[in-house]
Amino acid sequence: MTSLESANPGAAQPDGAALPDAPRLPDVSQLVVGVLGGTGDQGRGLAYRLAKAGQQVIIGSRSAERAEAAAAEIGFGVRGADNAATARESDVVIVAVPWDGHGELLAALAGALAGKIVVDCVNPLGFDKQGAFAIRPEEGSAAQQAAALLPGSRVTAAFHHLSAVLLQDREIAEIDTDVLVLGDQRAATDVVQALSDRIPGMRGVYAGRLRNAHQVEALVANLISVNRRYKAHAGLRITDV
């Protein structure tokens, strides 16, 4: 596990400064990235893409044996462990678990996640005969719920709008999309942007503070509707940036 302080030269920059260009983002190549829910479609896809790009990755699951089996299938040096060990042994932890188990899992791992950058990519959604619709948690968003449950962590929000199908497709070399990154600490969002940039075709774009995470999470319901209508795997691009 690598010290985020030594890996992040942008940590001393003032919060709210202008979006940095790529050369000013920190070197994250030596950071260990854990993926809670790494045996699910999105978590497995993110683990594969990051590991293929050279990142050290651990995938977590309630069952260490299940995580180890999934890690062996992914390859690229990915390791598997239970969720608690994944949280302890990682510098940056991506939360990619189902919404129904989100709060319970994070509450249980608050100690192990203290001091870590936590990247929440959970989308609180419901489904009925009319399709997907956004759910607004009591805290405002899944990311804000994570921040409330993890007061000792640096919580960010990112990776919401990525197709799990594209992430896992080994025939696709690049994924043409921007990754909206939200958070209240500049040093943390810089790290997440830099991780996004490591995946070919992706670009991390700062998109505001954590209080604005709900509309980013909710937009996934719209993308699901787009994908169903057009038989696509839609992503997002931000213009003029």
Protein backbone atom coordinates (compact mmCIF):
# COMPACT_ATOMS: atom_id res chain seq x y z
CA MET A 1 0.00 0.00 0.00
CA THR A 2 1.36 3.41 -1.02
CA SER A 3 1.13 6.72 0.82
CA LEU A 4 -1.36 8.99 -0.94
CA GLU A 5 0.43 12.03 0.43
CA SER A 6 3.67 11.14 -1.34
CA ALA A 7 1.82 10.19 -4.52
CA ASN A 8 -0.21 13.37 -4.76
CA PRO A 9 1.71 16.57 -5.53
CA GLY A 10 -1.57 18.44 -5.96
CA ALA A 11 -2.59 17.99 -2.33
CA ALA A 12 -1.50 21.48 -1.32
CA GLN A 13 -3.47 23.23 -4.06
CA PRO A 14 -6.42 25.33 -2.85
CA ASP A 15 -9.84 23.72 -2.92
CA GLY A 16 -12.05 25.05 -5.71
CA ALA A 17 -9.17 25.98 -8.04
CA ALA A 18 -9.59 25.67 -11.80
CA LEU A 19 -9.66 22.21 -13.38
CA PRO A 20 -6.03 21.15 -13.80
CA ASP A 21 -4.72 19.96 -17.13
CA ALA A 22 -3.47 16.39 -17.38
CA PRO A 23 0.22 17.00 -16.54
CA ARG A 24 -0.74 18.41 -13.12
CA LEU A 25 -2.66 15.35 -12.01
CA PRO A 26 -0.82 13.10 -9.53
CA ASP A 27 1.05 9.92 -10.41
CA VAL A 28 -1.25 7.14 -9.20
CA SER A 29 0.54 4.23 -10.85
CA GLN A 30 1.74 2.75 -7.54
CA LEU A 31 -1.55 3.00 -5.66
CA VAL A 32 -3.47 -0.14 -4.75
CA VAL A 33 -7.12 0.06 -5.84
CA GLY A 34 -9.70 -2.08 -4.06
CA VAL A 35 -13.12 -2.78 -5.57
CA LEU A 36 -15.88 -3.66 -3.12
CA GLY A 37 -18.44 -5.65 -5.05
CA GLY A 38 -15.69 -6.70 -7.43
CA THR A 39 -17.45 -9.92 -8.37
CA GLY A 40 -20.45 -8.03 -9.79
CA ASP A 41 -20.58 -6.89 -13.40
CA GLN A 42 -19.54 -3.27 -12.92
CA GLY A 43 -16.96 -4.01 -10.24
CA ARG A 44 -15.42 -6.82 -12.25
CA GLY A 45 -15.29 -4.60 -15.34
CA LEU A 46 -13.60 -1.74 -13.52
CA ALA A 47 -11.10 -4.14 -11.95
CA TYR A 48 -10.26 -5.58 -15.36
CA ARG A 49 -9.78 -2.18 -17.02
CA LEU A 50 -7.64 -0.76 -14.21
CA ALA A 51 -5.51 -3.88 -13.90
CA LYS A 52 -5.01 -4.05 -17.66
CA ALA A 53 -3.79 -0.44 -17.49
CA GLY A 54 -1.16 -1.49 -14.95
CA GLN A 55 -2.90 -0.68 -11.67
CA GLN A 56 -2.55 -2.94 -8.64
CA VAL A 57 -6.11 -4.17 -7.98
CA ILE A 58 -7.81 -6.18 -5.24
CA ILE A 59 -11.43 -7.24 -5.66
CA GLY A 60 -13.56 -7.77 -2.61
CA SER A 61 -16.61 -9.90 -1.90
CA ARG A 62 -18.41 -11.25 1.13
CA SER A 63 -16.71 -14.55 0.27
CA ALA A 64 -12.92 -14.49 -0.10
CA GLU A 65 -13.11 -17.69 -2.14
CA ARG A 66 -15.52 -16.15 -4.60
CA ALA A 67 -13.34 -13.06 -4.91
CA GLU A 68 -10.23 -15.18 -5.50
CA ALA A 69 -11.98 -17.15 -8.23
CA ALA A 70 -13.14 -13.96 -9.98
CA ALA A 71 -9.65 -12.46 -9.67
CA ALA A 72 -8.13 -15.53 -11.33
CA GLU A 73 -10.58 -15.15 -14.23
CA ILE A 74 -9.68 -11.47 -14.68
CA GLY A 75 -5.93 -12.05 -14.61
CA PHE A 76 -3.41 -9.16 -14.88
CA GLY A 77 -2.28 -9.76 -11.31
CA VAL A 78 -5.67 -9.00 -9.72
CA ARG A 79 -6.01 -10.37 -6.20
CA GLY A 80 -9.18 -11.44 -4.42
CA ALA A 81 -10.07 -11.08 -0.73
CA ASP A 82 -13.05 -10.54 1.51
CA ASN A 83 -14.42 -7.00 1.70
CA ALA A 84 -12.74 -6.16 5.01
CA ALA A 85 -9.28 -7.23 3.83
CA THR A 86 -9.79 -5.40 0.53
CA ALA A 87 -10.60 -2.20 2.41
CA ARG A 88 -7.59 -2.53 4.73
CA GLU A 89 -5.04 -3.33 2.01
CA SER A 90 -6.04 -0.68 -0.55
CA ASP A 91 -5.15 3.00 -0.92
CA VAL A 92 -8.25 3.85 -2.96
CA VAL A 93 -11.49 1.87 -2.61
CA ILE A 94 -14.21 1.81 -5.25
CA VAL A 95 -17.68 0.95 -3.96
CA ALA A 96 -19.59 -0.98 -6.63
CA VAL A 97 -22.11 -2.92 -4.56
CA PRO A 98 -25.89 -3.09 -5.10
CA TRP A 99 -27.76 -0.15 -3.60
CA ASP A 100 -29.72 -2.41 -1.25
CA GLY A 101 -26.56 -3.43 0.60
CA HIS A 102 -24.69 -0.12 0.33
CA GLY A 103 -25.30 1.41 3.75
CA GLU A 104 -24.92 -1.79 5.75
CA LEU A 105 -21.60 -2.68 4.12
CA LEU A 106 -20.05 0.77 4.53
CA ALA A 107 -21.14 1.06 8.15
CA ALA A 108 -19.42 -2.25 8.86
CA LEU A 109 -16.21 -1.16 7.11
CA ALA A 110 -15.94 2.38 8.50
CA GLY A 111 -12.85 1.56 10.55
CA ALA A 112 -11.04 -0.22 7.71
CA LEU A 113 -11.83 2.62 5.30
CA ALA A 114 -10.63 5.42 7.59
CA GLY A 115 -8.00 7.55 5.89
CA LYS A 116 -8.76 6.09 2.45
CA ILE A 117 -10.13 7.72 -0.68
CA VAL A 118 -13.50 6.06 -1.24
CA VAL A 119 -15.00 6.27 -4.73
CA ASP A 120 -18.75 5.65 -4.66
CA CYS A 121 -20.23 4.60 -8.01
CA VAL A 122 -23.52 3.20 -6.70
CA ASN A 123 -26.71 4.32 -8.44
CA PRO A 124 -29.87 4.21 -6.28
CA LEU A 125 -32.45 3.09 -8.83
CA GLY A 126 -35.84 1.44 -8.85
CA PHE A 127 -37.50 -0.44 -11.70
CA ASP A 128 -41.13 -0.86 -12.67
CA LYS A 129 -43.12 -1.50 -15.85
CA GLN A 130 -42.17 1.96 -17.14
CA GLY A 131 -38.46 1.29 -16.73
CA ALA A 132 -35.73 2.63 -14.45
CA PHE A 133 -36.24 5.58 -12.12
CA ALA A 134 -34.03 7.38 -9.62
CA ILE A 135 -34.39 6.95 -5.87
CA ARG A 136 -33.35 9.84 -3.62
CA PRO A 137 -31.80 8.57 -0.39
CA GLU A 138 -32.47 10.40 2.86
CA GLU A 139 -28.91 11.79 2.80
CA GLY A 140 -29.42 13.11 -0.75
CA SER A 141 -27.42 10.55 -2.73
CA ALA A 142 -25.54 7.29 -2.34
CA ALA A 143 -22.29 9.26 -2.19
CA GLN A 144 -23.61 11.50 0.58
CA GLN A 145 -24.78 8.44 2.48
CA ALA A 146 -21.24 7.07 2.14
CA ALA A 147 -19.80 10.35 3.45
CA ALA A 148 -22.15 10.26 6.44
CA LEU A 149 -21.19 6.67 7.26
CA LEU A 150 -17.46 7.18 6.67
CA PRO A 151 -16.48 10.39 8.47
CA GLY A 152 -12.85 9.31 8.52
CA SER A 153 -12.65 8.74 4.75
CA ARG A 154 -12.31 11.07 1.78
CA VAL A 155 -15.45 10.22 -0.16
CA THR A 156 -15.78 10.97 -3.86
CA ALA A 157 -18.28 9.93 -6.53
CA ALA A 158 -17.33 8.65 -10.00
CA PHE A 159 -17.70 5.86 -12.59
CA HIS A 160 -21.51 5.95 -12.58
CA HIS A 161 -22.15 6.09 -16.32
CA LEU A 162 -20.00 3.23 -17.55
CA SER A 163 -21.48 0.24 -19.35
CA ALA A 164 -20.63 -2.99 -17.53
CA VAL A 165 -20.94 -4.77 -20.87
CA LEU A 166 -18.26 -2.58 -22.47
CA LEU A 167 -16.03 -2.71 -19.41
CA GLN A 168 -15.92 -6.50 -19.52
CA ASP A 169 -15.62 -6.90 -23.29
CA ARG A 170 -11.99 -7.88 -23.96
CA GLU A 171 -12.41 -7.20 -27.66
CA ILE A 172 -12.84 -3.47 -26.93
CA ALA A 173 -9.50 -1.72 -26.51
CA GLU A 174 -10.81 1.76 -25.63
CA ILE A 175 -14.00 3.01 -23.99
CA ASP A 176 -14.98 6.41 -25.39
CA THR A 177 -16.41 8.26 -22.40
CA ASP A 178 -15.81 10.92 -19.79
CA VAL A 179 -15.96 10.08 -16.09
CA LEU A 180 -17.65 12.73 -13.95
CA VAL A 181 -15.78 13.04 -10.64
CA LEU A 182 -17.35 14.75 -7.63
CA GLY A 183 -15.99 15.46 -4.19
CA ASP A 184 -15.25 18.09 -1.58
CA GLN A 185 -11.47 17.67 -1.42
CA ARG A 186 -9.38 18.66 -4.42
CA ALA A 187 -6.56 16.21 -3.65
CA ALA A 188 -9.01 13.29 -3.62
CA THR A 189 -10.79 14.22 -6.85
CA ASP A 190 -7.41 14.70 -8.56
CA VAL A 191 -6.48 11.11 -7.67
CA VAL A 192 -9.76 9.77 -9.03
CA GLN A 193 -9.40 11.80 -12.23
CA ALA A 194 -5.91 10.40 -12.67
CA LEU A 195 -7.17 6.83 -12.20
CA SER A 196 -9.87 7.46 -14.80
CA ASP A 197 -7.28 8.75 -17.24
CA ARG A 198 -5.30 5.51 -16.99
CA ILE A 199 -8.07 3.58 -18.77
CA PRO A 200 -7.71 4.01 -22.57
CA GLY A 201 -10.46 6.22 -24.01
CA MET A 202 -11.59 7.56 -20.64
CA ARG A 203 -11.06 11.03 -19.20
CA GLY A 204 -11.78 12.16 -15.66
CA VAL A 205 -13.61 15.50 -15.45
CA TYR A 206 -14.25 17.33 -12.18
CA ALA A 207 -18.02 17.87 -11.94
CA GLY A 208 -18.65 19.57 -8.61
CA ARG A 209 -19.00 18.92 -4.93
CA LEU A 210 -20.51 15.84 -3.36
CA ARG A 211 -23.82 17.63 -2.72
CA ASN A 212 -24.41 17.44 -6.49
CA ALA A 213 -24.00 13.67 -6.71
CA HIS A 214 -27.72 12.91 -6.83
CA GLN A 215 -28.27 14.20 -10.35
CA VAL A 216 -25.19 12.32 -11.57
CA GLU A 217 -26.48 9.09 -10.04
CA ALA A 218 -30.01 9.75 -11.29
CA LEU A 219 -28.83 10.30 -14.88
CA VAL A 220 -28.15 6.57 -15.11
CA ALA A 221 -31.90 6.02 -15.33
CA ASN A 222 -31.93 8.18 -18.46
CA LEU A 223 -28.98 6.30 -19.95
CA ILE A 224 -30.77 2.99 -19.35
CA SER A 225 -33.73 4.36 -21.31
CA VAL A 226 -31.39 5.46 -24.12
CA ASN A 227 -29.75 2.05 -24.22
CA ARG A 228 -33.04 0.19 -24.32
CA ARG A 229 -34.49 2.34 -27.09
CA TYR A 230 -31.39 2.34 -29.30
CA LYS A 231 -29.88 -1.03 -28.33
CA ALA A 232 -26.70 0.83 -27.31
CA HIS A 233 -24.19 1.16 -24.47
CA ALA A 234 -24.26 4.93 -24.14
CA GLY A 235 -21.70 7.00 -22.26
CA LEU A 236 -21.07 10.72 -21.82
CA ARG A 237 -18.73 13.29 -23.34
CA ILE A 238 -18.36 16.83 -21.96
CA THR A 239 -17.74 19.35 -24.74
CA ASP A 240 -15.43 22.40 -24.73
CA VAL A 241 -13.27 21.12 -21.86
